[in-house]
């Protein structure tokens, strides 16, 4: 089991969120919502909380942010 905390050093080291704590929180919250929806619909069985899974994915550099630029 990984450490269940995300430190500012983790955020600053992440190139995907560009060192922005706001982007990091958005990335993790969207992933946690997605995981929770998948569990609610019965596609996956959770062993940990969705937020813990999302934080671990962030720290392992498995999350990214997609920016939609409207013209």
PDB file of N, CA and C in Angstrom:
ATOM      1  N   UNK A   1       0.844  -1.174   0.000  1.00  0.00           N
ATOM      2  CA  UNK A   1       0.000   0.000   0.000  1.00  0.00           C
ATOM      3  C   UNK A   1       0.892   1.240   0.000  1.00  0.00           C
ATOM      4  N   UNK A   2       0.542   2.188  -0.803  1.00  0.00           N
ATOM      5  CA  UNK A   2       1.304   3.421  -0.907  1.00  0.00           C
ATOM      6  C   UNK A   2       0.909   4.396   0.189  1.00  0.00           C
ATOM      7  N   UNK A   3       1.761   5.404   0.364  1.00  0.00           N
ATOM      8  CA  UNK A   3       1.452   6.479   1.302  1.00  0.00           C
ATOM      9  C   UNK A   3       0.176   7.176   0.847  1.00  0.00           C
ATOM     10  N   UNK A   4      -0.772   7.392   1.738  1.00  0.00           N
ATOM     11  CA  UNK A   4      -2.084   7.916   1.366  1.00  0.00           C
ATOM     12  C   UNK A   4      -2.168   9.432   1.450  1.00  0.00           C
ATOM     13  N   UNK A   5      -1.067  10.109   1.224  1.00  0.00           N
ATOM     14  CA  UNK A   5      -1.065  11.562   1.232  1.00  0.00           C
ATOM     15  C   UNK A   5      -0.384  12.073  -0.029  1.00  0.00           C
ATOM     16  N   UNK A   6      -0.881  13.184  -0.520  1.00  0.00           N
ATOM     17  CA  UNK A   6      -0.234  13.857  -1.636  1.00  0.00           C
ATOM     18  C   UNK A   6       0.352  15.148  -1.087  1.00  0.00           C
ATOM     19  N   UNK A   7       1.645  15.275  -1.210  1.00  0.00           N
ATOM     20  CA  UNK A   7       2.338  16.449  -0.685  1.00  0.00           C
ATOM     21  C   UNK A   7       2.541  17.469  -1.803  1.00  0.00           C
ATOM     22  N   UNK A   8       2.819  18.696  -1.426  1.00  0.00           N
ATOM     23  CA  UNK A   8       3.083  19.737  -2.423  1.00  0.00           C
ATOM     24  C   UNK A   8       4.277  19.373  -3.296  1.00  0.00           C
ATOM     25  N   UNK A   9       5.235  18.656  -2.741  1.00  0.00           N
ATOM     26  CA  UNK A   9       6.373  18.214  -3.546  1.00  0.00           C
ATOM     27  C   UNK A   9       5.929  17.302  -4.679  1.00  0.00           C
ATOM     28  N   UNK A  10       4.909  16.469  -4.417  1.00  0.00           N
ATOM     29  CA  UNK A  10       4.367  15.602  -5.465  1.00  0.00           C
ATOM     30  C   UNK A  10       3.720  16.436  -6.563  1.00  0.00           C
ATOM     31  N   UNK A  11       3.011  17.481  -6.173  1.00  0.00           N
ATOM     32  CA  UNK A  11       2.339  18.355  -7.138  1.00  0.00           C
ATOM     33  C   UNK A  11       3.375  19.120  -7.956  1.00  0.00           C
ATOM     34  N   UNK A  12       4.379  19.679  -7.284  1.00  0.00           N
ATOM     35  CA  UNK A  12       5.396  20.455  -7.991  1.00  0.00           C
ATOM     36  C   UNK A  12       6.223  19.572  -8.922  1.00  0.00           C
ATOM     37  N   UNK A  13       6.394  18.311  -8.584  1.00  0.00           N
ATOM     38  CA  UNK A  13       7.178  17.401  -9.413  1.00  0.00           C
ATOM     39  C   UNK A  13       6.397  16.892 -10.625  1.00  0.00           C
ATOM     40  N   UNK A  14       5.093  17.011 -10.591  1.00  0.00           N
ATOM     41  CA  UNK A  14       4.257  16.507 -11.681  1.00  0.00           C
ATOM     42  C   UNK A  14       4.278  17.462 -12.867  1.00  0.00           C
ATOM     43  N   UNK A  15       4.720  16.958 -14.005  1.00  0.00           N
ATOM     44  CA  UNK A  15       4.729  17.776 -15.224  1.00  0.00           C
ATOM     45  C   UNK A  15       3.341  17.849 -15.843  1.00  0.00           C
ATOM     46  N   UNK A  16       2.502  16.869 -15.558  1.00  0.00           N
ATOM     47  CA  UNK A  16       1.169  16.827 -16.162  1.00  0.00           C
ATOM     48  C   UNK A  16       0.243  17.906 -15.603  1.00  0.00           C
ATOM     49  N   UNK A  17       0.415  18.268 -14.345  1.00  0.00           N
ATOM     50  CA  UNK A  17      -0.421  19.340 -13.779  1.00  0.00           C
ATOM     51  C   UNK A  17       0.335  20.662 -13.730  1.00  0.00           C
ATOM     52  N   UNK A  18       1.556  20.669 -14.262  1.00  0.00           N
ATOM     53  CA  UNK A  18       2.375  21.877 -14.376  1.00  0.00           C
ATOM     54  C   UNK A  18       2.621  22.553 -13.030  1.00  0.00           C
ATOM     55  N   UNK A  19       2.673  21.776 -11.968  1.00  0.00           N
ATOM     56  CA  UNK A  19       2.938  22.328 -10.645  1.00  0.00           C
ATOM     57  C   UNK A  19       1.773  23.076 -10.026  1.00  0.00           C
ATOM     58  N   UNK A  20       0.601  22.993 -10.643  1.00  0.00           N
ATOM     59  CA  UNK A  20      -0.571  23.707 -10.143  1.00  0.00           C
ATOM     60  C   UNK A  20      -1.360  22.809  -9.199  1.00  0.00           C
ATOM     61  N   UNK A  21      -1.503  23.245  -7.957  1.00  0.00           N
ATOM     62  CA  UNK A  21      -2.264  22.448  -6.991  1.00  0.00           C
ATOM     63  C   UNK A  21      -3.736  22.381  -7.395  1.00  0.00           C
ATOM     64  N   UNK A  22      -4.250  23.441  -8.036  1.00  0.00           N
ATOM     65  CA  UNK A  22      -5.644  23.426  -8.495  1.00  0.00           C
ATOM     66  C   UNK A  22      -5.848  22.337  -9.546  1.00  0.00           C
ATOM     67  N   UNK A  23      -4.948  22.272 -10.520  1.00  0.00           N
ATOM     68  CA  UNK A  23      -5.063  21.235 -11.554  1.00  0.00           C
ATOM     69  C   UNK A  23      -4.927  19.842 -10.954  1.00  0.00           C
ATOM     70  N   UNK A  24      -4.049  19.692  -9.975  1.00  0.00           N
ATOM     71  CA  UNK A  24      -3.863  18.394  -9.333  1.00  0.00           C
ATOM     72  C   UNK A  24      -5.147  17.942  -8.644  1.00  0.00           C
ATOM     73  N   UNK A  25      -5.789  18.859  -7.935  1.00  0.00           N
ATOM     74  CA  UNK A  25      -7.041  18.520  -7.243  1.00  0.00           C
ATOM     75  C   UNK A  25      -8.134  18.183  -8.250  1.00  0.00           C
ATOM     76  N   UNK A  26      -8.214  18.934  -9.333  1.00  0.00           N
ATOM     77  CA  UNK A  26      -9.217  18.658 -10.370  1.00  0.00           C
ATOM     78  C   UNK A  26      -8.978  17.284 -10.987  1.00  0.00           C
ATOM     79  N   UNK A  27      -7.716  16.971 -11.293  1.00  0.00           N
ATOM     80  CA  UNK A  27      -7.386  15.671 -11.877  1.00  0.00           C
ATOM     81  C   UNK A  27      -7.807  14.529 -10.958  1.00  0.00           C
ATOM     82  N   UNK A  28      -7.464  14.645  -9.686  1.00  0.00           N
ATOM     83  CA  UNK A  28      -7.776  13.573  -8.741  1.00  0.00           C
ATOM     84  C   UNK A  28      -9.277  13.470  -8.469  1.00  0.00           C
ATOM     85  N   UNK A  29      -9.963  14.601  -8.393  1.00  0.00           N
ATOM     86  CA  UNK A  29     -11.400  14.550  -8.109  1.00  0.00           C
ATOM     87  C   UNK A  29     -12.179  13.965  -9.275  1.00  0.00           C
ATOM     88  N   UNK A  30     -11.785  14.299 -10.509  1.00  0.00           N
ATOM     89  CA  UNK A  30     -12.468  13.722 -11.673  1.00  0.00           C
ATOM     90  C   UNK A  30     -12.239  12.213 -11.751  1.00  0.00           C
ATOM     91  N   UNK A  31     -11.029  11.782 -11.447  1.00  0.00           N
ATOM     92  CA  UNK A  31     -10.737  10.354 -11.453  1.00  0.00           C
ATOM     93  C   UNK A  31     -11.523   9.643 -10.352  1.00  0.00           C
ATOM     94  N   UNK A  32     -11.599  10.243  -9.170  1.00  0.00           N
ATOM     95  CA  UNK A  32     -12.350   9.635  -8.065  1.00  0.00           C
ATOM     96  C   UNK A  32     -13.831   9.521  -8.416  1.00  0.00           C
ATOM     97  N   UNK A  33     -14.389  10.547  -9.060  1.00  0.00           N
ATOM     98  CA  UNK A  33     -15.797  10.481  -9.488  1.00  0.00           C
ATOM     99  C   UNK A  33     -16.010   9.373 -10.505  1.00  0.00           C
ATOM    100  N   UNK A  34     -15.080   9.252 -11.453  1.00  0.00           N
ATOM    101  CA  UNK A  34     -15.179   8.201 -12.462  1.00  0.00           C
ATOM    102  C   UNK A  34     -15.138   6.817 -11.812  1.00  0.00           C
ATOM    103  N   UNK A  35     -14.210   6.617 -10.897  1.00  0.00           N
ATOM    104  CA  UNK A  35     -14.094   5.330 -10.201  1.00  0.00           C
ATOM    105  C   UNK A  35     -15.350   5.047  -9.395  1.00  0.00           C
ATOM    106  N   UNK A  36     -15.881   6.055  -8.720  1.00  0.00           N
ATOM    107  CA  UNK A  36     -17.091   5.874  -7.929  1.00  0.00           C
ATOM    108  C   UNK A  36     -18.281   5.503  -8.817  1.00  0.00           C
ATOM    109  N   UNK A  37     -18.395   6.152  -9.973  1.00  0.00           N
ATOM    110  CA  UNK A  37     -19.474   5.815 -10.908  1.00  0.00           C
ATOM    111  C   UNK A  37     -19.340   4.389 -11.423  1.00  0.00           C
ATOM    112  N   UNK A  38     -18.126   3.968 -11.719  1.00  0.00           N
ATOM    113  CA  UNK A  38     -17.907   2.600 -12.192  1.00  0.00           C
ATOM    114  C   UNK A  38     -18.306   1.579 -11.122  1.00  0.00           C
ATOM    115  N   UNK A  39     -17.990   1.888  -9.880  1.00  0.00           N
ATOM    116  CA  UNK A  39     -18.358   0.987  -8.781  1.00  0.00           C
ATOM    117  C   UNK A  39     -19.869   0.983  -8.567  1.00  0.00           C
ATOM    118  N   UNK A  40     -20.490   2.144  -8.644  1.00  0.00           N
ATOM    119  CA  UNK A  40     -21.933   2.251  -8.452  1.00  0.00           C
ATOM    120  C   UNK A  40     -22.693   1.462  -9.524  1.00  0.00           C
ATOM    121  N   UNK A  41     -22.183   1.483 -10.753  1.00  0.00           N
ATOM    122  CA  UNK A  41     -22.825   0.772 -11.855  1.00  0.00           C
ATOM    123  C   UNK A  41     -22.494  -0.719 -11.864  1.00  0.00           C
ATOM    124  N   UNK A  42     -21.604  -1.148 -10.977  1.00  0.00           N
ATOM    125  CA  UNK A  42     -21.307  -2.571 -10.833  1.00  0.00           C
ATOM    126  C   UNK A  42     -20.206  -3.084 -11.734  1.00  0.00           C
ATOM    127  N   UNK A  43     -19.460  -2.195 -12.385  1.00  0.00           N
ATOM    128  CA  UNK A  43     -18.392  -2.638 -13.281  1.00  0.00           C
ATOM    129  C   UNK A  43     -17.132  -3.055 -12.530  1.00  0.00           C
ATOM    130  N   UNK A  44     -16.892  -2.432 -11.372  1.00  0.00           N
ATOM    131  CA  UNK A  44     -15.716  -2.774 -10.579  1.00  0.00           C
ATOM    132  C   UNK A  44     -16.112  -2.946  -9.122  1.00  0.00           C
ATOM    133  N   UNK A  45     -15.290  -3.683  -8.390  1.00  0.00           N
ATOM    134  CA  UNK A  45     -15.477  -3.890  -6.953  1.00  0.00           C
ATOM    135  C   UNK A  45     -14.338  -3.169  -6.248  1.00  0.00           C
ATOM    136  N   UNK A  46     -14.667  -2.256  -5.347  1.00  0.00           N
ATOM    137  CA  UNK A  46     -13.640  -1.448  -4.702  1.00  0.00           C
ATOM    138  C   UNK A  46     -13.087  -2.109  -3.446  1.00  0.00           C
ATOM    139  N   UNK A  47     -11.765  -2.053  -3.327  1.00  0.00           N
ATOM    140  CA  UNK A  47     -11.080  -2.516  -2.116  1.00  0.00           C
ATOM    141  C   UNK A  47     -10.624  -1.315  -1.285  1.00  0.00           C
ATOM    142  N   UNK A  48     -10.522  -0.140  -1.945  1.00  0.00           N
ATOM    143  CA  UNK A  48     -10.121   1.099  -1.297  1.00  0.00           C
ATOM    144  C   UNK A  48     -11.118   2.190  -1.676  1.00  0.00           C
ATOM    145  N   UNK A  49     -11.013   3.320  -1.002  1.00  0.00           N
ATOM    146  CA  UNK A  49     -11.868   4.456  -1.339  1.00  0.00           C
ATOM    147  C   UNK A  49     -11.458   5.024  -2.701  1.00  0.00           C
ATOM    148  N   UNK A  50     -12.424   5.559  -3.452  1.00  0.00           N
ATOM    149  CA  UNK A  50     -12.088   6.152  -4.757  1.00  0.00           C
ATOM    150  C   UNK A  50     -11.055   7.272  -4.665  1.00  0.00           C
ATOM    151  N   UNK A  51     -11.109   8.059  -3.608  1.00  0.00           N
ATOM    152  CA  UNK A  51     -10.134   9.155  -3.475  1.00  0.00           C
ATOM    153  C   UNK A  51      -8.720   8.616  -3.254  1.00  0.00           C
ATOM    154  N   UNK A  52      -8.600   7.540  -2.505  1.00  0.00           N
ATOM    155  CA  UNK A  52      -7.292   6.932  -2.274  1.00  0.00           C
ATOM    156  C   UNK A  52      -6.722   6.387  -3.571  1.00  0.00           C
ATOM    157  N   UNK A  53      -7.561   5.744  -4.360  1.00  0.00           N
ATOM    158  CA  UNK A  53      -7.128   5.209  -5.649  1.00  0.00           C
ATOM    159  C   UNK A  53      -6.677   6.346  -6.562  1.00  0.00           C
ATOM    160  N   UNK A  54      -7.449   7.426  -6.602  1.00  0.00           N
ATOM    161  CA  UNK A  54      -7.109   8.567  -7.453  1.00  0.00           C
ATOM    162  C   UNK A  54      -5.799   9.222  -7.009  1.00  0.00           C
ATOM    163  N   UNK A  55      -5.587   9.363  -5.707  1.00  0.00           N
ATOM    164  CA  UNK A  55      -4.341   9.949  -5.219  1.00  0.00           C
ATOM    165  C   UNK A  55      -3.146   9.076  -5.586  1.00  0.00           C
ATOM    166  N   UNK A  56      -3.297   7.767  -5.448  1.00  0.00           N
ATOM    167  CA  UNK A  56      -2.205   6.865  -5.805  1.00  0.00           C
ATOM    168  C   UNK A  56      -1.899   6.925  -7.295  1.00  0.00           C
ATOM    169  N   UNK A  57      -2.938   7.010  -8.120  1.00  0.00           N
ATOM    170  CA  UNK A  57      -2.718   7.136  -9.563  1.00  0.00           C
ATOM    171  C   UNK A  57      -2.001   8.443  -9.885  1.00  0.00           C
ATOM    172  N   UNK A  58      -2.347   9.521  -9.197  1.00  0.00           N
ATOM    173  CA  UNK A  58      -1.681  10.798  -9.418  1.00  0.00           C
ATOM    174  C   UNK A  58      -0.198  10.691  -9.081  1.00  0.00           C
ATOM    175  N   UNK A  59       0.099  10.109  -7.935  1.00  0.00           N
ATOM    176  CA  UNK A  59       1.486  10.004  -7.509  1.00  0.00           C
ATOM    177  C   UNK A  59       2.295   9.074  -8.405  1.00  0.00           C
ATOM    178  N   UNK A  60       1.625   8.129  -9.080  1.00  0.00           N
ATOM    179  CA  UNK A  60       2.308   7.225 -10.007  1.00  0.00           C
ATOM    180  C   UNK A  60       2.353   7.797 -11.423  1.00  0.00           C
ATOM    181  N   UNK A  61       1.905   9.023 -11.586  1.00  0.00           N
ATOM    182  CA  UNK A  61       1.910   9.718 -12.880  1.00  0.00           C
ATOM    183  C   UNK A  61       1.015   9.039 -13.919  1.00  0.00           C
ATOM    184  N   UNK A  62      -0.109   8.486 -13.492  1.00  0.00           N
ATOM    185  CA  UNK A  62      -1.037   7.803 -14.394  1.00  0.00           C
ATOM    186  C   UNK A  62      -2.244   8.658 -14.760  1.00  0.00           C
ATOM    187  N   UNK A  63      -2.297   9.893 -14.269  1.00  0.00           N
ATOM    188  CA  UNK A  63      -3.397  10.790 -14.595  1.00  0.00           C
ATOM    189  C   UNK A  63      -2.886  11.927 -15.457  1.00  0.00           C
ATOM    190  N   UNK A  64      -3.763  12.430 -16.310  1.00  0.00           N
ATOM    191  CA  UNK A  64      -3.407  13.608 -17.102  1.00  0.00           C
ATOM    192  C   UNK A  64      -4.635  14.498 -17.217  1.00  0.00           C
ATOM    193  N   UNK A  65      -4.414  15.723 -17.626  1.00  0.00           N
ATOM    194  CA  UNK A  65      -5.492  16.685 -17.757  1.00  0.00           C
ATOM    195  C   UNK A  65      -5.648  17.010 -19.240  1.00  0.00           C
ATOM    196  N   UNK A  66      -6.911  17.080 -19.680  1.00  0.00           N
ATOM    197  CA  UNK A  66      -7.202  17.441 -21.060  1.00  0.00           C
ATOM    198  C   UNK A  66      -7.882  18.800 -21.025  1.00  0.00           C
ATOM    199  N   UNK A  67      -7.316  19.747 -21.756  1.00  0.00           N
ATOM    200  CA  UNK A  67      -7.844  21.099 -21.785  1.00  0.00           C
ATOM    201  C   UNK A  67      -8.584  21.317 -23.101  1.00  0.00           C
ATOM    202  N   UNK A  68      -9.853  21.660 -22.996  1.00  0.00           N
ATOM    203  CA  UNK A  68     -10.642  21.982 -24.192  1.00  0.00           C
ATOM    204  C   UNK A  68     -10.591  23.477 -24.405  1.00  0.00           C
ATOM    205  N   UNK A  69     -10.001  23.859 -25.508  1.00  0.00           N
ATOM    206  CA  UNK A  69      -9.930  25.283 -25.835  1.00  0.00           C
ATOM    207  C   UNK A  69     -10.987  25.599 -26.861  1.00  0.00           C
ATOM    208  N   UNK A  70     -11.999  26.310 -26.433  1.00  0.00           N
ATOM    209  CA  UNK A  70     -13.083  26.704 -27.349  1.00  0.00           C
ATOM    210  C   UNK A  70     -12.711  28.003 -28.033  1.00  0.00           C
ATOM    211  N   UNK A  71     -13.061  28.089 -29.299  1.00  0.00           N
ATOM    212  CA  UNK A  71     -12.733  29.307 -30.065  1.00  0.00           C
ATOM    213  C   UNK A  71     -13.948  30.172 -30.269  1.00  0.00           C
TER     214      UNK A  71
END
